Amino acid sequence: MAQPSLVMRDEGLTLVGDGLEVRGDFLRMLPRVRRDRLARELLVRAARIKGVPRPVAVDGTAGLGEDSLLLAAAGFSVLMFEKDPTICALLSDALARAARQPELADIVCRMRLLEEDSVEGMRKLGIRPDVVFLDPMFPARRKSAAVKKKLRLIQSLERPCEDEAGLMAAAREIGPRKIVVKRPLKGPYLAGVKPSHSLAGKAVRYDVIVIPR
């Protein structure tokens, strides 16, 4: 695949390459952030912190920000790390467009994007978040054409995580109440760390590592 490029479309900043296009699009997430559906989202259930009125989450692998949007809709203030400048530009544009939408503005105002590698960035935060969320990229299943289409472009810019141990160590060092890791349904534990418990869906699972304070 040739190196993809960024193009400004009427719909927003778009990554174009090999006949494929990808852009950040939070409007299509609207059905999932409705109150009646949000509480059923596995990520929201995995990240929930009882007794904390304004919880803080760090998304160490933001990508196009869809998981962060779910956390923000659930009431978290979310700090998002994305190290690839092209993906960061896509996410920044998606946030700007969402901020102009009445249905999304109150949600995305709780999302802050940092263009930085999270392993280094988390160590400089100077705060103890309630939750650290990690979604190290994993290869798309060949059976899923839609996922494959999206990941083909994204993976041409940013490869799956090569330092799982470093990512997990950085997440632990900032002292969250829990670390939530998104994994393939039958994939191995991140960095070999066994979770306290897991929530599994049809295609992915969320491993929850509770950190005693």
C-alpha atoms as a PDB file:
ATOM      1  CA  MET A   1       0.000   0.000   0.000  1.00  0.00           C
ATOM      2  CA  ALA A   2       1.223   3.496  -0.881  1.00  0.00           C
ATOM      3  CA  GLN A   3       1.612   5.943   1.979  1.00  0.00           C
ATOM      4  CA  PRO A   4      -1.860   7.401   2.674  1.00  0.00           C
ATOM      5  CA  SER A   5      -2.425  11.149   2.735  1.00  0.00           C
ATOM      6  CA  LEU A   6      -4.725  13.605   4.506  1.00  0.00           C
ATOM      7  CA  VAL A   7      -7.358  15.357   2.421  1.00  0.00           C
ATOM      8  CA  MET A   8      -9.955  17.866   3.607  1.00  0.00           C
ATOM      9  CA  ARG A   9     -13.395  16.766   2.463  1.00  0.00           C
ATOM     10  CA  ASP A  10     -16.732  18.459   3.055  1.00  0.00           C
ATOM     11  CA  GLU A  11     -17.349  15.788   5.685  1.00  0.00           C
ATOM     12  CA  GLY A  12     -14.057  16.510   7.477  1.00  0.00           C
ATOM     13  CA  LEU A  13     -10.356  15.652   7.419  1.00  0.00           C
ATOM     14  CA  THR A  14      -9.967  12.292   5.693  1.00  0.00           C
ATOM     15  CA  LEU A  15      -7.173   9.750   5.414  1.00  0.00           C
ATOM     16  CA  VAL A  16      -7.018   8.533   1.810  1.00  0.00           C
ATOM     17  CA  GLY A  17      -5.033   5.672   0.343  1.00  0.00           C
ATOM     18  CA  ASP A  18      -5.356   2.616  -1.890  1.00  0.00           C
ATOM     19  CA  GLY A  19      -8.954   3.473  -2.743  1.00  0.00           C
ATOM     20  CA  LEU A  20      -9.921   3.616   0.929  1.00  0.00           C
ATOM     21  CA  GLU A  21     -10.991   6.521   3.132  1.00  0.00           C
ATOM     22  CA  VAL A  22     -11.132   6.876   6.913  1.00  0.00           C
ATOM     23  CA  ARG A  23     -12.158   9.858   9.018  1.00  0.00           C
ATOM     24  CA  GLY A  24     -13.106  10.420  12.614  1.00  0.00           C
ATOM     25  CA  ASP A  25     -16.889  10.464  12.913  1.00  0.00           C
ATOM     26  CA  PHE A  26     -18.515  10.866  16.306  1.00  0.00           C
ATOM     27  CA  LEU A  27     -21.973  11.558  14.859  1.00  0.00           C
ATOM     28  CA  ARG A  28     -22.354   7.903  13.982  1.00  0.00           C
ATOM     29  CA  MET A  29     -21.706   7.121  17.654  1.00  0.00           C
ATOM     30  CA  LEU A  30     -24.847   8.968  18.763  1.00  0.00           C
ATOM     31  CA  PRO A  31     -26.977   5.812  19.164  1.00  0.00           C
ATOM     32  CA  ARG A  32     -24.336   4.308  21.456  1.00  0.00           C
ATOM     33  CA  VAL A  33     -24.128   7.321  23.776  1.00  0.00           C
ATOM     34  CA  ARG A  34     -27.864   7.457  24.450  1.00  0.00           C
ATOM     35  CA  ARG A  35     -28.476   6.959  28.163  1.00  0.00           C
ATOM     36  CA  ASP A  36     -30.469   3.750  27.674  1.00  0.00           C
ATOM     37  CA  ARG A  37     -27.671   2.134  25.644  1.00  0.00           C
ATOM     38  CA  LEU A  38     -24.607   3.650  27.275  1.00  0.00           C
ATOM     39  CA  ALA A  39     -25.040   1.745  30.532  1.00  0.00           C
ATOM     40  CA  ARG A  40     -24.909  -1.519  28.573  1.00  0.00           C
ATOM     41  CA  GLU A  41     -21.604  -0.746  26.876  1.00  0.00           C
ATOM     42  CA  LEU A  42     -18.989  -3.234  28.089  1.00  0.00           C
ATOM     43  CA  LEU A  43     -16.293  -0.555  28.304  1.00  0.00           C
ATOM     44  CA  VAL A  44     -18.499   1.681  30.461  1.00  0.00           C
ATOM     45  CA  ARG A  45     -19.311  -1.238  32.747  1.00  0.00           C
ATOM     46  CA  ALA A  46     -15.627  -2.212  32.985  1.00  0.00           C
ATOM     47  CA  ALA A  47     -14.458   1.346  33.744  1.00  0.00           C
ATOM     48  CA  ARG A  48     -17.198   2.330  36.191  1.00  0.00           C
ATOM     49  CA  ILE A  49     -15.917   3.724  39.494  1.00  0.00           C
ATOM     50  CA  LYS A  50     -18.370   3.811  42.375  1.00  0.00           C
ATOM     51  CA  GLY A  51     -18.509   6.813  44.665  1.00  0.00           C
ATOM     52  CA  VAL A  52     -16.458   9.142  42.453  1.00  0.00           C
ATOM     53  CA  PRO A  53     -18.625  12.003  41.135  1.00  0.00           C
ATOM     54  CA  ARG A  54     -16.154  13.320  38.519  1.00  0.00           C
ATOM     55  CA  PRO A  55     -13.869  10.438  37.555  1.00  0.00           C
ATOM     56  CA  VAL A  56     -10.788  10.918  35.397  1.00  0.00           C
ATOM     57  CA  ALA A  57      -9.660   8.452  32.740  1.00  0.00           C
ATOM     58  CA  VAL A  58      -6.505   8.275  30.657  1.00  0.00           C
ATOM     59  CA  ASP A  59      -6.780   6.660  27.242  1.00  0.00           C
ATOM     60  CA  GLY A  60      -3.243   5.583  26.461  1.00  0.00           C
ATOM     61  CA  THR A  61      -4.033   4.473  22.903  1.00  0.00           C
ATOM     62  CA  ALA A  62      -6.637   6.928  21.627  1.00  0.00           C
ATOM     63  CA  GLY A  63      -6.717   6.125  17.904  1.00  0.00           C
ATOM     64  CA  LEU A  64      -9.848   7.771  16.484  1.00  0.00           C
ATOM     65  CA  GLY A  65     -11.255   8.353  19.967  1.00  0.00           C
ATOM     66  CA  GLU A  66     -14.407   6.255  19.861  1.00  0.00           C
ATOM     67  CA  ASP A  67     -13.750   4.510  23.164  1.00  0.00           C
ATOM     68  CA  SER A  68     -12.852   7.823  24.785  1.00  0.00           C
ATOM     69  CA  LEU A  69     -16.175   9.221  23.594  1.00  0.00           C
ATOM     70  CA  LEU A  70     -18.000   6.433  25.408  1.00  0.00           C
ATOM     71  CA  LEU A  71     -16.076   7.161  28.610  1.00  0.00           C
ATOM     72  CA  ALA A  72     -16.726  10.898  28.331  1.00  0.00           C
ATOM     73  CA  ALA A  73     -20.435  10.244  27.724  1.00  0.00           C
ATOM     74  CA  ALA A  74     -20.432   8.172  30.908  1.00  0.00           C
ATOM     75  CA  GLY A  75     -19.146  11.171  32.880  1.00  0.00           C
ATOM     76  CA  PHE A  76     -15.376  10.725  32.761  1.00  0.00           C
ATOM     77  CA  SER A  77     -12.950  13.530  32.017  1.00  0.00           C
ATOM     78  CA  VAL A  78     -10.683  11.834  29.485  1.00  0.00           C
ATOM     79  CA  LEU A  79      -7.046  12.573  28.658  1.00  0.00           C
ATOM     80  CA  MET A  80      -6.208  10.941  25.331  1.00  0.00           C
ATOM     81  CA  PHE A  81      -2.721  10.073  24.128  1.00  0.00           C
ATOM     82  CA  GLU A  82      -2.046   9.530  20.433  1.00  0.00           C
ATOM     83  CA  LYS A  83       1.532   9.512  19.195  1.00  0.00           C
ATOM     84  CA  ASP A  84       1.012   9.369  15.431  1.00  0.00           C
ATOM     85  CA  PRO A  85       0.629  12.927  14.061  1.00  0.00           C
ATOM     86  CA  THR A  86      -1.669  11.888  11.212  1.00  0.00           C
ATOM     87  CA  ILE A  87      -4.061   9.950  13.440  1.00  0.00           C
ATOM     88  CA  CYS A  88      -3.878  12.799  15.938  1.00  0.00           C
ATOM     89  CA  ALA A  89      -4.914  15.244  13.211  1.00  0.00           C
ATOM     90  CA  LEU A  90      -7.890  13.052  12.288  1.00  0.00           C
ATOM     91  CA  LEU A  91      -8.986  12.875  15.908  1.00  0.00           C
ATOM     92  CA  SER A  92      -8.483  16.590  16.478  1.00  0.00           C
ATOM     93  CA  ASP A  93     -10.667  17.363  13.462  1.00  0.00           C
ATOM     94  CA  ALA A  94     -13.356  14.935  14.653  1.00  0.00           C
ATOM     95  CA  LEU A  95     -13.384  16.610  18.073  1.00  0.00           C
ATOM     96  CA  ALA A  96     -13.709  20.068  16.514  1.00  0.00           C
ATOM     97  CA  ARG A  97     -16.640  18.965  14.340  1.00  0.00           C
ATOM     98  CA  ALA A  98     -18.338  17.229  17.268  1.00  0.00           C
ATOM     99  CA  ALA A  99     -17.999  20.354  19.418  1.00  0.00           C
ATOM    100  CA  ARG A 100     -20.272  22.134  16.943  1.00  0.00           C
ATOM    101  CA  GLN A 101     -22.984  19.482  17.303  1.00  0.00           C
ATOM    102  CA  PRO A 102     -25.473  20.150  20.154  1.00  0.00           C
ATOM    103  CA  GLU A 103     -25.866  16.425  20.804  1.00  0.00           C
ATOM    104  CA  LEU A 104     -22.111  15.947  21.297  1.00  0.00           C
ATOM    105  CA  ALA A 105     -20.748  19.268  22.543  1.00  0.00           C
ATOM    106  CA  ASP A 106     -21.224  18.520  26.251  1.00  0.00           C
ATOM    107  CA  ILE A 107     -19.482  15.173  25.817  1.00  0.00           C
ATOM    108  CA  VAL A 108     -16.413  16.217  23.834  1.00  0.00           C
ATOM    109  CA  CYS A 109     -15.733  19.164  26.158  1.00  0.00           C
ATOM    110  CA  ARG A 110     -14.572  16.491  28.633  1.00  0.00           C
ATOM    111  CA  MET A 111     -12.047  15.071  26.133  1.00  0.00           C
ATOM    112  CA  ARG A 112      -8.503  16.439  25.874  1.00  0.00           C
ATOM    113  CA  LEU A 113      -6.085  15.228  23.214  1.00  0.00           C
ATOM    114  CA  LEU A 114      -2.316  15.038  23.736  1.00  0.00           C
ATOM    115  CA  GLU A 115      -0.031  14.280  20.770  1.00  0.00           C
ATOM    116  CA  GLU A 116       2.531  12.187  22.602  1.00  0.00           C
ATOM    117  CA  ASP A 117       3.592   8.625  23.248  1.00  0.00           C
ATOM    118  CA  SER A 118       1.630   7.514  26.286  1.00  0.00           C
ATOM    119  CA  VAL A 119       4.482   5.536  27.882  1.00  0.00           C
ATOM    120  CA  GLU A 120       6.414   8.768  28.340  1.00  0.00           C
ATOM    121  CA  GLY A 121       3.403  11.039  28.614  1.00  0.00           C
ATOM    122  CA  MET A 122       1.686   9.200  31.451  1.00  0.00           C
ATOM    123  CA  ARG A 123       4.797   9.460  33.589  1.00  0.00           C
ATOM    124  CA  LYS A 124       4.734  13.254  33.243  1.00  0.00           C
ATOM    125  CA  LEU A 125       1.045  13.805  33.987  1.00  0.00           C
ATOM    126  CA  GLY A 126       1.422  14.523  37.676  1.00  0.00           C
ATOM    127  CA  ILE A 127      -2.071  13.228  38.460  1.00  0.00           C
ATOM    128  CA  ARG A 128      -3.549   9.927  39.603  1.00  0.00           C
ATOM    129  CA  PRO A 129      -6.414   9.088  37.275  1.00  0.00           C
ATOM    130  CA  ASP A 130      -9.182   6.779  38.347  1.00  0.00           C
ATOM    131  CA  VAL A 131      -8.912   4.613  35.235  1.00  0.00           C
ATOM    132  CA  VAL A 132      -6.295   3.948  32.582  1.00  0.00           C
ATOM    133  CA  PHE A 133      -7.727   2.470  29.399  1.00  0.00           C
ATOM    134  CA  LEU A 134      -5.456   0.627  26.968  1.00  0.00           C
ATOM    135  CA  ASP A 135      -6.379  -0.677  23.547  1.00  0.00           C
ATOM    136  CA  PRO A 136      -3.131  -1.786  21.898  1.00  0.00           C
ATOM    137  CA  MET A 137      -3.878  -2.324  18.240  1.00  0.00           C
ATOM    138  CA  PHE A 138      -4.292  -5.917  17.167  1.00  0.00           C
ATOM    139  CA  PRO A 139      -4.616  -7.268  13.617  1.00  0.00           C
ATOM    140  CA  ALA A 140      -8.101  -7.271  12.107  1.00  0.00           C
ATOM    141  CA  ARG A 141      -9.772 -10.602  11.510  1.00  0.00           C
ATOM    142  CA  ARG A 142      -9.822 -11.444   7.828  1.00  0.00           C
ATOM    143  CA  LYS A 143     -13.539 -12.265   8.037  1.00  0.00           C
ATOM    144  CA  SER A 144     -14.427  -8.668   8.928  1.00  0.00           C
ATOM    145  CA  ALA A 145     -14.267  -6.530   5.773  1.00  0.00           C
ATOM    146  CA  ALA A 146     -15.351  -3.334   7.544  1.00  0.00           C
ATOM    147  CA  VAL A 147     -12.764  -3.645  10.290  1.00  0.00           C
ATOM    148  CA  LYS A 148     -10.113  -4.657   7.795  1.00  0.00           C
ATOM    149  CA  LYS A 149     -10.838  -1.604   5.629  1.00  0.00           C
ATOM    150  CA  LYS A 150     -10.421   0.750   8.576  1.00  0.00           C
ATOM    151  CA  LEU A 151      -7.352  -0.906  10.058  1.00  0.00           C
ATOM    152  CA  ARG A 152      -5.509  -1.268   6.756  1.00  0.00           C
ATOM    153  CA  LEU A 153      -5.088   2.492   6.581  1.00  0.00           C
ATOM    154  CA  ILE A 154      -4.506   3.047  10.288  1.00  0.00           C
ATOM    155  CA  GLN A 155      -1.971   0.224  10.546  1.00  0.00           C
ATOM    156  CA  SER A 156      -0.031   1.667   7.624  1.00  0.00           C
ATOM    157  CA  LEU A 157       0.721   4.572   9.982  1.00  0.00           C
ATOM    158  CA  GLU A 158       0.892   2.929  13.376  1.00  0.00           C
ATOM    159  CA  ARG A 159       1.782  -0.688  13.990  1.00  0.00           C
ATOM    160  CA  PRO A 160       0.417  -2.820  16.816  1.00  0.00           C
ATOM    161  CA  CYS A 161       2.079  -2.266  20.189  1.00  0.00           C
ATOM    162  CA  GLU A 162       5.608  -3.654  20.399  1.00  0.00           C
ATOM    163  CA  ASP A 163       6.297  -2.784  24.052  1.00  0.00           C
ATOM    164  CA  GLU A 164       3.367  -4.231  25.954  1.00  0.00           C
ATOM    165  CA  ALA A 165       5.379  -4.496  29.161  1.00  0.00           C
ATOM    166  CA  GLY A 166       6.387  -0.824  28.992  1.00  0.00           C
ATOM    167  CA  LEU A 167       2.811   0.267  28.339  1.00  0.00           C
ATOM    168  CA  MET A 168       1.465  -1.742  31.249  1.00  0.00           C
ATOM    169  CA  ALA A 169       4.253  -0.548  33.567  1.00  0.00           C
ATOM    170  CA  ALA A 170       3.593   3.106  32.712  1.00  0.00           C
ATOM    171  CA  ALA A 171      -0.119   2.617  33.402  1.00  0.00           C
ATOM    172  CA  ARG A 172       0.616   1.078  36.801  1.00  0.00           C
ATOM    173  CA  GLU A 173       3.119   3.774  37.765  1.00  0.00           C
ATOM    174  CA  ILE A 174       0.567   6.602  37.721  1.00  0.00           C
ATOM    175  CA  GLY A 175      -1.513   4.818  40.337  1.00  0.00           C
ATOM    176  CA  PRO A 176      -5.026   4.431  38.892  1.00  0.00           C
ATOM    177  CA  ARG A 177      -7.794   2.612  40.712  1.00  0.00           C
ATOM    178  CA  LYS A 178      -8.040   0.237  37.779  1.00  0.00           C
ATOM    179  CA  ILE A 179      -6.567  -0.486  34.365  1.00  0.00           C
ATOM    180  CA  VAL A 180      -8.977  -1.589  31.652  1.00  0.00           C
ATOM    181  CA  VAL A 181      -7.494  -3.380  28.637  1.00  0.00           C
ATOM    182  CA  LYS A 182      -9.360  -4.099  25.397  1.00  0.00           C
ATOM    183  CA  ARG A 183      -8.306  -7.375  23.840  1.00  0.00           C
ATOM    184  CA  PRO A 184      -9.414  -9.797  21.128  1.00  0.00           C
ATOM    185  CA  LEU A 185     -11.947 -12.208  22.582  1.00  0.00           C
ATOM    186  CA  LYS A 186      -9.447 -15.090  22.659  1.00  0.00           C
ATOM    187  CA  GLY A 187      -6.283 -13.007  22.726  1.00  0.00           C
ATOM    188  CA  PRO A 188      -3.571 -13.272  25.404  1.00  0.00           C
ATOM    189  CA  TYR A 189      -3.415 -10.969  28.415  1.00  0.00           C
ATOM    190  CA  LEU A 190      -1.556  -7.728  27.788  1.00  0.00           C
ATOM    191  CA  ALA A 191       2.063  -8.175  28.942  1.00  0.00           C
ATOM    192  CA  GLY A 192       0.976 -11.463  30.523  1.00  0.00           C
ATOM    193  CA  VAL A 193      -0.788  -9.662  33.393  1.00  0.00           C
ATOM    194  CA  LYS A 194      -3.784 -11.647  34.615  1.00  0.00           C
ATOM    195  CA  PRO A 195      -6.802  -9.389  35.222  1.00  0.00           C
ATOM    196  CA  SER A 196      -8.907  -9.229  38.355  1.00  0.00           C
ATOM    197  CA  HIS A 197     -11.894  -9.993  36.131  1.00  0.00           C
ATOM    198  CA  SER A 198     -13.010  -9.665  32.510  1.00  0.00           C
ATOM    199  CA  LEU A 199     -16.146  -8.661  30.610  1.00  0.00           C
ATOM    200  CA  ALA A 200     -16.512 -10.426  27.271  1.00  0.00           C
ATOM    201  CA  GLY A 201     -18.596  -9.580  24.225  1.00  0.00           C
ATOM    202  CA  LYS A 202     -18.928 -11.335  20.878  1.00  0.00           C
ATOM    203  CA  ALA A 203     -15.635 -10.105  19.411  1.00  0.00           C
ATOM    204  CA  VAL A 204     -13.649  -8.417  22.188  1.00  0.00           C
ATOM    205  CA  ARG A 205     -13.226  -8.557  25.924  1.00  0.00           C
ATOM    206  CA  TYR A 206     -12.247  -6.018  28.571  1.00  0.00           C
ATOM    207  CA  ASP A 207      -9.697  -7.161  31.130  1.00  0.00           C
ATOM    208  CA  VAL A 208      -9.974  -5.206  34.372  1.00  0.00           C
ATOM    209  CA  ILE A 209      -6.940  -4.955  36.652  1.00  0.00           C
ATOM    210  CA  VAL A 210      -7.882  -3.486  40.017  1.00  0.00           C
ATOM    211  CA  ILE A 211      -5.036  -1.602  41.737  1.00  0.00           C
ATOM    212  CA  PRO A 212      -5.293  -1.377  45.537  1.00  0.00           C
ATOM    213  CA  ARG A 213      -4.778   2.157  46.856  1.00  0.00           C
END
